[in-house]
Amino acid sequence: MGKQNDDKWCVYVLKCRKNYLYIGITNDLDTRMKAHAAGTGSKFVRSWRPFELVKVISCECGREARQMEYRLKRMKRDKKMDVLNLNFTRP
């Protein structure tokens, strides 16, 4: 995943087919998006393409990014949508 740079970590949210959400972290967003587009980023995104980047949250370090990702993934969808300020529903 490209060179590591601890001051550029982020949590990102992808809206996939049927408005499913994928939440991940990276320290190289461009490389990660290319990996998802190529089908090598994650099995979930590969299965639910196409996808759209809908949110990026900058973090101080990798630890903060991992903690935020963990908290978001544990939330129910409605709460997650509110916290992320996203407005779309699943068909």
PDB file of N, CA and C in Angstrom:
ATOM      1  N   MET A   1       0.821  -1.188   0.000  1.00  0.00           N
ATOM      2  CA  MET A   1       0.000   0.000   0.000  1.00  0.00           C
ATOM      3  C   MET A   1       0.862   1.247   0.000  1.00  0.00           C
ATOM      4  N   GLY A   2       1.770   1.434  -0.845  1.00  0.00           N
ATOM      5  CA  GLY A   2       2.564   2.652  -0.906  1.00  0.00           C
ATOM      6  C   GLY A   2       3.421   2.867   0.318  1.00  0.00           C
ATOM      7  N   LYS A   3       4.110   3.997   0.335  1.00  0.00           N
ATOM      8  CA  LYS A   3       4.978   4.286   1.476  1.00  0.00           C
ATOM      9  C   LYS A   3       4.159   4.683   2.692  1.00  0.00           C
ATOM     10  N   GLN A   4       4.647   4.362   3.850  1.00  0.00           N
ATOM     11  CA  GLN A   4       3.945   4.664   5.090  1.00  0.00           C
ATOM     12  C   GLN A   4       4.324   6.067   5.555  1.00  0.00           C
ATOM     13  N   ASN A   5       3.303   6.832   5.934  1.00  0.00           N
ATOM     14  CA  ASN A   5       3.508   8.174   6.433  1.00  0.00           C
ATOM     15  C   ASN A   5       2.501   8.397   7.551  1.00  0.00           C
ATOM     16  N   ASP A   6       2.945   8.304   8.793  1.00  0.00           N
ATOM     17  CA  ASP A   6       2.041   8.316   9.934  1.00  0.00           C
ATOM     18  C   ASP A   6       1.187   9.566  10.078  1.00  0.00           C
ATOM     19  N   ASP A   7       1.515  10.672   9.405  1.00  0.00           N
ATOM     20  CA  ASP A   7       0.701  11.868   9.583  1.00  0.00           C
ATOM     21  C   ASP A   7      -0.386  11.997   8.526  1.00  0.00           C
ATOM     22  N   LYS A   8      -0.599  10.974   7.695  1.00  0.00           N
ATOM     23  CA  LYS A   8      -1.615  11.058   6.660  1.00  0.00           C
ATOM     24  C   LYS A   8      -2.656   9.948   6.765  1.00  0.00           C
ATOM     25  N   TRP A   9      -2.876   9.407   7.931  1.00  0.00           N
ATOM     26  CA  TRP A   9      -3.859   8.353   8.087  1.00  0.00           C
ATOM     27  C   TRP A   9      -5.263   8.912   7.973  1.00  0.00           C
ATOM     28  N   CYS A  10      -6.185   8.089   7.457  1.00  0.00           N
ATOM     29  CA  CYS A  10      -7.576   8.508   7.375  1.00  0.00           C
ATOM     30  C   CYS A  10      -8.492   7.288   7.426  1.00  0.00           C
ATOM     31  N   VAL A  11      -9.722   7.558   7.809  1.00  0.00           N
ATOM     32  CA  VAL A  11     -10.804   6.589   7.709  1.00  0.00           C
ATOM     33  C   VAL A  11     -11.592   7.009   6.480  1.00  0.00           C
ATOM     34  N   TYR A  12     -11.940   6.048   5.628  1.00  0.00           N
ATOM     35  CA  TYR A  12     -12.702   6.386   4.426  1.00  0.00           C
ATOM     36  C   TYR A  12     -13.940   5.511   4.348  1.00  0.00           C
ATOM     37  N   VAL A  13     -14.973   6.052   3.686  1.00  0.00           N
ATOM     38  CA  VAL A  13     -16.240   5.349   3.551  1.00  0.00           C
ATOM     39  C   VAL A  13     -16.566   5.260   2.069  1.00  0.00           C
ATOM     40  N   LEU A  14     -16.856   4.043   1.621  1.00  0.00           N
ATOM     41  CA  LEU A  14     -17.269   3.813   0.247  1.00  0.00           C
ATOM     42  C   LEU A  14     -18.748   3.442   0.229  1.00  0.00           C
ATOM     43  N   LYS A  15     -19.463   3.992  -0.730  1.00  0.00           N
ATOM     44  CA  LYS A  15     -20.841   3.565  -0.983  1.00  0.00           C
ATOM     45  C   LYS A  15     -20.770   2.592  -2.152  1.00  0.00           C
ATOM     46  N   CYS A  16     -21.155   1.362  -1.900  1.00  0.00           N
ATOM     47  CA  CYS A  16     -21.082   0.314  -2.915  1.00  0.00           C
ATOM     48  C   CYS A  16     -22.468   0.072  -3.515  1.00  0.00           C
ATOM     49  N   ARG A  17     -22.533  -0.888  -4.429  1.00  0.00           N
ATOM     50  CA  ARG A  17     -23.799  -1.244  -5.071  1.00  0.00           C
ATOM     51  C   ARG A  17     -24.858  -1.505  -4.002  1.00  0.00           C
ATOM     52  N   LYS A  18     -26.091  -1.131  -4.304  1.00  0.00           N
ATOM     53  CA  LYS A  18     -27.234  -1.235  -3.392  1.00  0.00           C
ATOM     54  C   LYS A  18     -27.032  -0.409  -2.125  1.00  0.00           C
ATOM     55  N   ASN A  19     -26.167   0.603  -2.216  1.00  0.00           N
ATOM     56  CA  ASN A  19     -25.901   1.534  -1.108  1.00  0.00           C
ATOM     57  C   ASN A  19     -25.326   0.877   0.141  1.00  0.00           C
ATOM     58  N   TYR A  20     -24.649  -0.252  -0.026  1.00  0.00           N
ATOM     59  CA  TYR A  20     -23.934  -0.834   1.097  1.00  0.00           C
ATOM     60  C   TYR A  20     -22.714   0.019   1.404  1.00  0.00           C
ATOM     61  N   LEU A  21     -22.336   0.071   2.677  1.00  0.00           N
ATOM     62  CA  LEU A  21     -21.187   0.862   3.103  1.00  0.00           C
ATOM     63  C   LEU A  21     -19.984  -0.030   3.361  1.00  0.00           C
ATOM     64  N   TYR A  22     -18.828   0.486   3.006  1.00  0.00           N
ATOM     65  CA  TYR A  22     -17.565  -0.148   3.370  1.00  0.00           C
ATOM     66  C   TYR A  22     -16.737   0.911   4.072  1.00  0.00           C
ATOM     67  N   ILE A  23     -16.208   0.587   5.235  1.00  0.00           N
ATOM     68  CA  ILE A  23     -15.378   1.515   5.999  1.00  0.00           C
ATOM     69  C   ILE A  23     -13.988   0.917   6.123  1.00  0.00           C
ATOM     70  N   GLY A  24     -12.980   1.712   5.805  1.00  0.00           N
ATOM     71  CA  GLY A  24     -11.613   1.236   5.894  1.00  0.00           C
ATOM     72  C   GLY A  24     -10.672   2.352   6.326  1.00  0.00           C
ATOM     73  N   ILE A  25      -9.413   2.006   6.539  1.00  0.00           N
ATOM     74  CA  ILE A  25      -8.393   2.995   6.889  1.00  0.00           C
ATOM     75  C   ILE A  25      -7.215   2.832   5.944  1.00  0.00           C
ATOM     76  N   THR A  26      -6.464   3.900   5.792  1.00  0.00           N
ATOM     77  CA  THR A  26      -5.272   3.862   4.951  1.00  0.00           C
ATOM     78  C   THR A  26      -4.385   5.057   5.272  1.00  0.00           C
ATOM     79  N   ASN A  27      -3.136   4.949   4.847  1.00  0.00           N
ATOM     80  CA  ASN A  27      -2.243   6.103   4.917  1.00  0.00           C
ATOM     81  C   ASN A  27      -1.834   6.523   3.508  1.00  0.00           C
ATOM     82  N   ASP A  28      -2.504   5.948   2.494  1.00  0.00           N
ATOM     83  CA  ASP A  28      -2.268   6.316   1.096  1.00  0.00           C
ATOM     84  C   ASP A  28      -3.580   6.110   0.340  1.00  0.00           C
ATOM     85  N   LEU A  29      -4.448   7.105   0.391  1.00  0.00           N
ATOM     86  CA  LEU A  29      -5.803   6.982  -0.141  1.00  0.00           C
ATOM     87  C   LEU A  29      -5.815   6.710  -1.645  1.00  0.00           C
ATOM     88  N   ASP A  30      -4.972   7.389  -2.410  1.00  0.00           N
ATOM     89  CA  ASP A  30      -4.955   7.180  -3.865  1.00  0.00           C
ATOM     90  C   ASP A  30      -4.628   5.732  -4.218  1.00  0.00           C
ATOM     91  N   THR A  31      -3.603   5.197  -3.593  1.00  0.00           N
ATOM     92  CA  THR A  31      -3.211   3.810  -3.855  1.00  0.00           C
ATOM     93  C   THR A  31      -4.308   2.847  -3.420  1.00  0.00           C
ATOM     94  N   ARG A  32      -4.950   3.125  -2.300  1.00  0.00           N
ATOM     95  CA  ARG A  32      -6.021   2.256  -1.800  1.00  0.00           C
ATOM     96  C   ARG A  32      -7.220   2.266  -2.740  1.00  0.00           C
ATOM     97  N   MET A  33      -7.587   3.437  -3.273  1.00  0.00           N
ATOM     98  CA  MET A  33      -8.707   3.516  -4.206  1.00  0.00           C
ATOM     99  C   MET A  33      -8.394   2.767  -5.503  1.00  0.00           C
ATOM    100  N   LYS A  34      -7.144   2.851  -5.953  1.00  0.00           N
ATOM    101  CA  LYS A  34      -6.739   2.105  -7.149  1.00  0.00           C
ATOM    102  C   LYS A  34      -6.812   0.609  -6.892  1.00  0.00           C
ATOM    103  N   ALA A  35      -6.433   0.172  -5.697  1.00  0.00           N
ATOM    104  CA  ALA A  35      -6.510  -1.247  -5.351  1.00  0.00           C
ATOM    105  C   ALA A  35      -7.972  -1.712  -5.338  1.00  0.00           C
ATOM    106  N   HIS A  36      -8.857  -0.906  -4.765  1.00  0.00           N
ATOM    107  CA  HIS A  36     -10.280  -1.262  -4.770  1.00  0.00           C
ATOM    108  C   HIS A  36     -10.801  -1.335  -6.202  1.00  0.00           C
ATOM    109  N   ALA A  37     -10.434  -0.365  -7.030  1.00  0.00           N
ATOM    110  CA  ALA A  37     -10.892  -0.340  -8.428  1.00  0.00           C
ATOM    111  C   ALA A  37     -10.399  -1.564  -9.198  1.00  0.00           C
ATOM    112  N   ALA A  38      -9.201  -2.025  -8.873  1.00  0.00           N
ATOM    113  CA  ALA A  38      -8.624  -3.193  -9.541  1.00  0.00           C
ATOM    114  C   ALA A  38      -9.172  -4.503  -8.970  1.00  0.00           C
ATOM    115  N   GLY A  39      -9.948  -4.423  -7.893  1.00  0.00           N
ATOM    116  CA  GLY A  39     -10.506  -5.625  -7.284  1.00  0.00           C
ATOM    117  C   GLY A  39      -9.590  -6.307  -6.301  1.00  0.00           C
ATOM    118  N   THR A  40      -8.519  -5.621  -5.902  1.00  0.00           N
ATOM    119  CA  THR A  40      -7.568  -6.217  -4.958  1.00  0.00           C
ATOM    120  C   THR A  40      -7.600  -5.546  -3.586  1.00  0.00           C
ATOM    121  N   GLY A  41      -8.468  -4.555  -3.396  1.00  0.00           N
ATOM    122  CA  GLY A  41      -8.512  -3.821  -2.130  1.00  0.00           C
ATOM    123  C   GLY A  41      -9.156  -4.597  -1.011  1.00  0.00           C
ATOM    124  N   SER A  42     -10.313  -5.215  -1.295  1.00  0.00           N
ATOM    125  CA  SER A  42     -11.002  -6.034  -0.301  1.00  0.00           C
ATOM    126  C   SER A  42     -12.006  -6.921  -1.022  1.00  0.00           C
ATOM    127  N   LYS A  43     -12.297  -8.058  -0.423  1.00  0.00           N
ATOM    128  CA  LYS A  43     -13.271  -8.973  -1.022  1.00  0.00           C
ATOM    129  C   LYS A  43     -14.653  -8.341  -1.055  1.00  0.00           C
ATOM    130  N   PHE A  44     -15.012  -7.606   0.001  1.00  0.00           N
ATOM    131  CA  PHE A  44     -16.338  -6.996   0.062  1.00  0.00           C
ATOM    132  C   PHE A  44     -16.535  -6.020  -1.094  1.00  0.00           C
ATOM    133  N   VAL A  45     -15.604  -5.095  -1.262  1.00  0.00           N
ATOM    134  CA  VAL A  45     -15.745  -4.093  -2.324  1.00  0.00           C
ATOM    135  C   VAL A  45     -15.716  -4.761  -3.693  1.00  0.00           C
ATOM    136  N   ARG A  46     -14.872  -5.756  -3.851  1.00  0.00           N
ATOM    137  CA  ARG A  46     -14.812  -6.475  -5.129  1.00  0.00           C
ATOM    138  C   ARG A  46     -16.179  -7.096  -5.447  1.00  0.00           C
ATOM    139  N   SER A  47     -16.862  -7.606  -4.437  1.00  0.00           N
ATOM    140  CA  SER A  47     -18.162  -8.241  -4.632  1.00  0.00           C
ATOM    141  C   SER A  47     -19.295  -7.243  -4.834  1.00  0.00           C
ATOM    142  N   TRP A  48     -19.130  -6.033  -4.323  1.00  0.00           N
ATOM    143  CA  TRP A  48     -20.218  -5.055  -4.354  1.00  0.00           C
ATOM    144  C   TRP A  48     -19.891  -3.827  -5.202  1.00  0.00           C
ATOM    145  N   ARG A  49     -19.024  -3.990  -6.211  1.00  0.00           N
ATOM    146  CA  ARG A  49     -18.737  -2.877  -7.121  1.00  0.00           C
ATOM    147  C   ARG A  49     -19.963  -2.576  -7.962  1.00  0.00           C
ATOM    148  N   PRO A  50     -20.102  -1.367  -8.489  1.00  0.00           N
ATOM    149  CA  PRO A  50     -19.166  -0.251  -8.395  1.00  0.00           C
ATOM    150  C   PRO A  50     -19.255   0.427  -7.026  1.00  0.00           C
ATOM    151  N   PHE A  51     -18.286   1.277  -6.751  1.00  0.00           N
ATOM    152  CA  PHE A  51     -18.262   1.991  -5.482  1.00  0.00           C
ATOM    153  C   PHE A  51     -17.965   3.463  -5.722  1.00  0.00           C
ATOM    154  N   GLU A  52     -18.270   4.258  -4.696  1.00  0.00           N
ATOM    155  CA  GLU A  52     -18.024   5.694  -4.739  1.00  0.00           C
ATOM    156  C   GLU A  52     -17.486   6.125  -3.378  1.00  0.00           C
ATOM    157  N   LEU A  53     -16.437   6.896  -3.378  1.00  0.00           N
ATOM    158  CA  LEU A  53     -15.891   7.435  -2.131  1.00  0.00           C
ATOM    159  C   LEU A  53     -16.824   8.545  -1.657  1.00  0.00           C
ATOM    160  N   VAL A  54     -17.403   8.388  -0.463  1.00  0.00           N
ATOM    161  CA  VAL A  54     -18.375   9.369   0.025  1.00  0.00           C
ATOM    162  C   VAL A  54     -17.900  10.141   1.247  1.00  0.00           C
ATOM    163  N   LYS A  55     -16.856   9.668   1.920  1.00  0.00           N
ATOM    164  CA  LYS A  55     -16.397  10.366   3.126  1.00  0.00           C
ATOM    165  C   LYS A  55     -14.948  10.014   3.412  1.00  0.00           C
ATOM    166  N   VAL A  56     -14.166  11.019   3.788  1.00  0.00           N
ATOM    167  CA  VAL A  56     -12.794  10.820   4.247  1.00  0.00           C
ATOM    168  C   VAL A  56     -12.633  11.614   5.530  1.00  0.00           C
ATOM    169  N   ILE A  57     -12.168  10.941   6.568  1.00  0.00           N
ATOM    170  CA  ILE A  57     -11.961  11.590   7.865  1.00  0.00           C
ATOM    171  C   ILE A  57     -10.477  11.502   8.199  1.00  0.00           C
ATOM    172  N   SER A  58      -9.803  12.633   8.250  1.00  0.00           N
ATOM    173  CA  SER A  58      -8.373  12.668   8.562  1.00  0.00           C
ATOM    174  C   SER A  58      -8.146  12.318  10.025  1.00  0.00           C
ATOM    175  N   CYS A  59      -7.053  11.614  10.277  1.00  0.00           N
ATOM    176  CA  CYS A  59      -6.695  11.209  11.634  1.00  0.00           C
ATOM    177  C   CYS A  59      -5.253  11.605  11.923  1.00  0.00           C
ATOM    178  N   GLU A  60      -4.940  11.735  13.196  1.00  0.00           N
ATOM    179  CA  GLU A  60      -3.597  12.123  13.629  1.00  0.00           C
ATOM    180  C   GLU A  60      -2.570  11.024  13.382  1.00  0.00           C
ATOM    181  N   CYS A  61      -3.011   9.751  13.560  1.00  0.00           N
ATOM    182  CA  CYS A  61      -2.078   8.629  13.459  1.00  0.00           C
ATOM    183  C   CYS A  61      -2.843   7.355  13.136  1.00  0.00           C
ATOM    184  N   GLY A  62      -2.126   6.298  12.876  1.00  0.00           N
ATOM    185  CA  GLY A  62      -2.737   5.021  12.563  1.00  0.00           C
ATOM    186  C   GLY A  62      -3.592   4.482  13.700  1.00  0.00           C
ATOM    187  N   ARG A  63      -3.155   4.700  14.914  1.00  0.00           N
ATOM    188  CA  ARG A  63      -3.908   4.218  16.078  1.00  0.00           C
ATOM    189  C   ARG A  63      -5.279   4.879  16.150  1.00  0.00           C
ATOM    190  N   GLU A  64      -5.325   6.185  15.959  1.00  0.00           N
ATOM    191  CA  GLU A  64      -6.593   6.905  15.981  1.00  0.00           C
ATOM    192  C   GLU A  64      -7.505   6.412  14.852  1.00  0.00           C
ATOM    193  N   ALA A  65      -6.937   6.193  13.682  1.00  0.00           N
ATOM    194  CA  ALA A  65      -7.720   5.711  12.532  1.00  0.00           C
ATOM    195  C   ALA A  65      -8.312   4.331  12.831  1.00  0.00           C
ATOM    196  N   ARG A  66      -7.515   3.432  13.389  1.00  0.00           N
ATOM    197  CA  ARG A  66      -8.005   2.087  13.713  1.00  0.00           C
ATOM    198  C   ARG A  66      -9.123   2.142  14.756  1.00  0.00           C
ATOM    199  N   GLN A  67      -8.968   3.011  15.750  1.00  0.00           N
ATOM    200  CA  GLN A  67      -9.992   3.128  16.783  1.00  0.00           C
ATOM    201  C   GLN A  67     -11.291   3.681  16.218  1.00  0.00           C
ATOM    202  N   MET A  68     -11.199   4.691  15.349  1.00  0.00           N
ATOM    203  CA  MET A  68     -12.398   5.265  14.750  1.00  0.00           C
ATOM    204  C   MET A  68     -13.085   4.244  13.833  1.00  0.00           C
ATOM    205  N   GLU A  69     -12.291   3.529  13.046  1.00  0.00           N
ATOM    206  CA  GLU A  69     -12.849   2.494  12.162  1.00  0.00           C
ATOM    207  C   GLU A  69     -13.587   1.451  12.997  1.00  0.00           C
ATOM    208  N   TYR A  70     -12.998   1.013  14.077  1.00  0.00           N
ATOM    209  CA  TYR A  70     -13.606   0.014  14.952  1.00  0.00           C
ATOM    210  C   TYR A  70     -14.944   0.510  15.504  1.00  0.00           C
ATOM    211  N   ARG A  71     -14.952   1.748  15.998  1.00  0.00           N
ATOM    212  CA  ARG A  71     -16.188   2.312  16.558  1.00  0.00           C
ATOM    213  C   ARG A  71     -17.275   2.410  15.492  1.00  0.00           C
ATOM    214  N   LEU A  72     -16.921   2.885  14.298  1.00  0.00           N
ATOM    215  CA  LEU A  72     -17.915   3.023  13.230  1.00  0.00           C
ATOM    216  C   LEU A  72     -18.462   1.667  12.787  1.00  0.00           C
ATOM    217  N   LYS A  73     -17.601   0.685  12.669  1.00  0.00           N
ATOM    218  CA  LYS A  73     -18.049  -0.631  12.205  1.00  0.00           C
ATOM    219  C   LYS A  73     -18.967  -1.311  13.216  1.00  0.00           C
ATOM    220  N   ARG A  74     -18.882  -0.952  14.480  1.00  0.00           N
ATOM    221  CA  ARG A  74     -19.735  -1.551  15.503  1.00  0.00           C
ATOM    222  C   ARG A  74     -21.109  -0.894  15.580  1.00  0.00           C
ATOM    223  N   MET A  75     -21.287   0.261  14.954  1.00  0.00           N
ATOM    224  CA  MET A  75     -22.564   0.973  14.991  1.00  0.00           C
ATOM    225  C   MET A  75     -23.575   0.329  14.049  1.00  0.00           C
ATOM    226  N   LYS A  76     -24.838   0.453  14.405  1.00  0.00           N
ATOM    227  CA  LYS A  76     -25.900   0.058  13.492  1.00  0.00           C
ATOM    228  C   LYS A  76     -25.933   1.070  12.343  1.00  0.00           C
ATOM    229  N   ARG A  77     -26.470   0.641  11.205  1.00  0.00           N
ATOM    230  CA  ARG A  77     -26.439   1.454   9.988  1.00  0.00           C
ATOM    231  C   ARG A  77     -27.026   2.853  10.205  1.00  0.00           C
ATOM    232  N   ASP A  78     -28.201   2.967  10.845  1.00  0.00           N
ATOM    233  CA  ASP A  78     -28.835   4.280  11.030  1.00  0.00           C
ATOM    234  C   ASP A  78     -27.943   5.233  11.816  1.00  0.00           C
ATOM    235  N   LYS A  79     -27.365   4.741  12.886  1.00  0.00           N
ATOM    236  CA  LYS A  79     -26.471   5.567  13.714  1.00  0.00           C
ATOM    237  C   LYS A  79     -25.233   5.968  12.904  1.00  0.00           C
ATOM    238  N   LYS A  80     -24.687   5.009  12.167  1.00  0.00           N
ATOM    239  CA  LYS A  80     -23.508   5.253  11.332  1.00  0.00           C
ATOM    240  C   LYS A  80     -23.799   6.352  10.313  1.00  0.00           C
ATOM    241  N   MET A  81     -24.968   6.277   9.674  1.00  0.00           N
ATOM    242  CA  MET A  81     -25.353   7.281   8.671  1.00  0.00           C
ATOM    243  C   MET A  81     -25.464   8.668   9.313  1.00  0.00           C
ATOM    244  N   ASP A  82     -26.028   8.731  10.522  1.00  0.00           N
ATOM    245  CA  ASP A  82     -26.143  10.009  11.232  1.00  0.00           C
ATOM    246  C   ASP A  82     -24.773  10.564  11.585  1.00  0.00           C
ATOM    247  N   VAL A  83     -23.928   9.744  12.169  1.00  0.00           N
ATOM    248  CA  VAL A  83     -22.599  10.181  12.593  1.00  0.00           C
ATOM    249  C   VAL A  83     -21.776  10.664  11.397  1.00  0.00           C
ATOM    250  N   LEU A  84     -21.891   9.964  10.276  1.00  0.00           N
ATOM    251  CA  LEU A  84     -21.117  10.316   9.081  1.00  0.00           C
ATOM    252  C   LEU A  84     -21.799  11.390   8.231  1.00  0.00           C
ATOM    253  N   ASN A  85     -23.024  11.776   8.625  1.00  0.00           N
ATOM    254  CA  ASN A  85     -23.791  12.787   7.897  1.00  0.00           C
ATOM    255  C   ASN A  85     -24.005  12.365   6.438  1.00  0.00           C
ATOM    256  N   LEU A  86     -24.444  11.124   6.243  1.00  0.00           N
ATOM    257  CA  LEU A  86     -24.719  10.593   4.910  1.00  0.00           C
ATOM    258  C   LEU A  86     -26.221  10.478   4.742  1.00  0.00           C
ATOM    259  N   ASN A  87     -26.700  10.687   3.512  1.00  0.00           N
ATOM    260  CA  ASN A  87     -28.128  10.702   3.256  1.00  0.00           C
ATOM    261  C   ASN A  87     -28.507   9.853   2.054  1.00  0.00           C
ATOM    262  N   PHE A  88     -28.494   8.564   2.186  1.00  0.00           N
ATOM    263  CA  PHE A  88     -29.024   7.694   1.133  1.00  0.00           C
ATOM    264  C   PHE A  88     -29.519   6.423   1.790  1.00  0.00           C
ATOM    265  N   THR A  89     -30.456   5.783   1.164  1.00  0.00           N
ATOM    266  CA  THR A  89     -31.034   4.561   1.738  1.00  0.00           C
ATOM    267  C   THR A  89     -30.790   3.384   0.807  1.00  0.00           C
ATOM    268  N   ARG A  90     -30.887   2.213   1.365  1.00  0.00           N
ATOM    269  CA  ARG A  90     -30.746   1.013   0.546  1.00  0.00           C
ATOM    270  C   ARG A  90     -32.069   0.764  -0.153  1.00  0.00           C
ATOM    271  N   PRO A  91     -32.025   0.306  -1.406  1.00  0.00           N
ATOM    272  CA  PRO A  91     -33.274   0.009  -2.135  1.00  0.00           C
ATOM    273  C   PRO A  91     -34.005  -1.179  -1.547  1.00  0.00           C
TER     274      PRO A  91
END
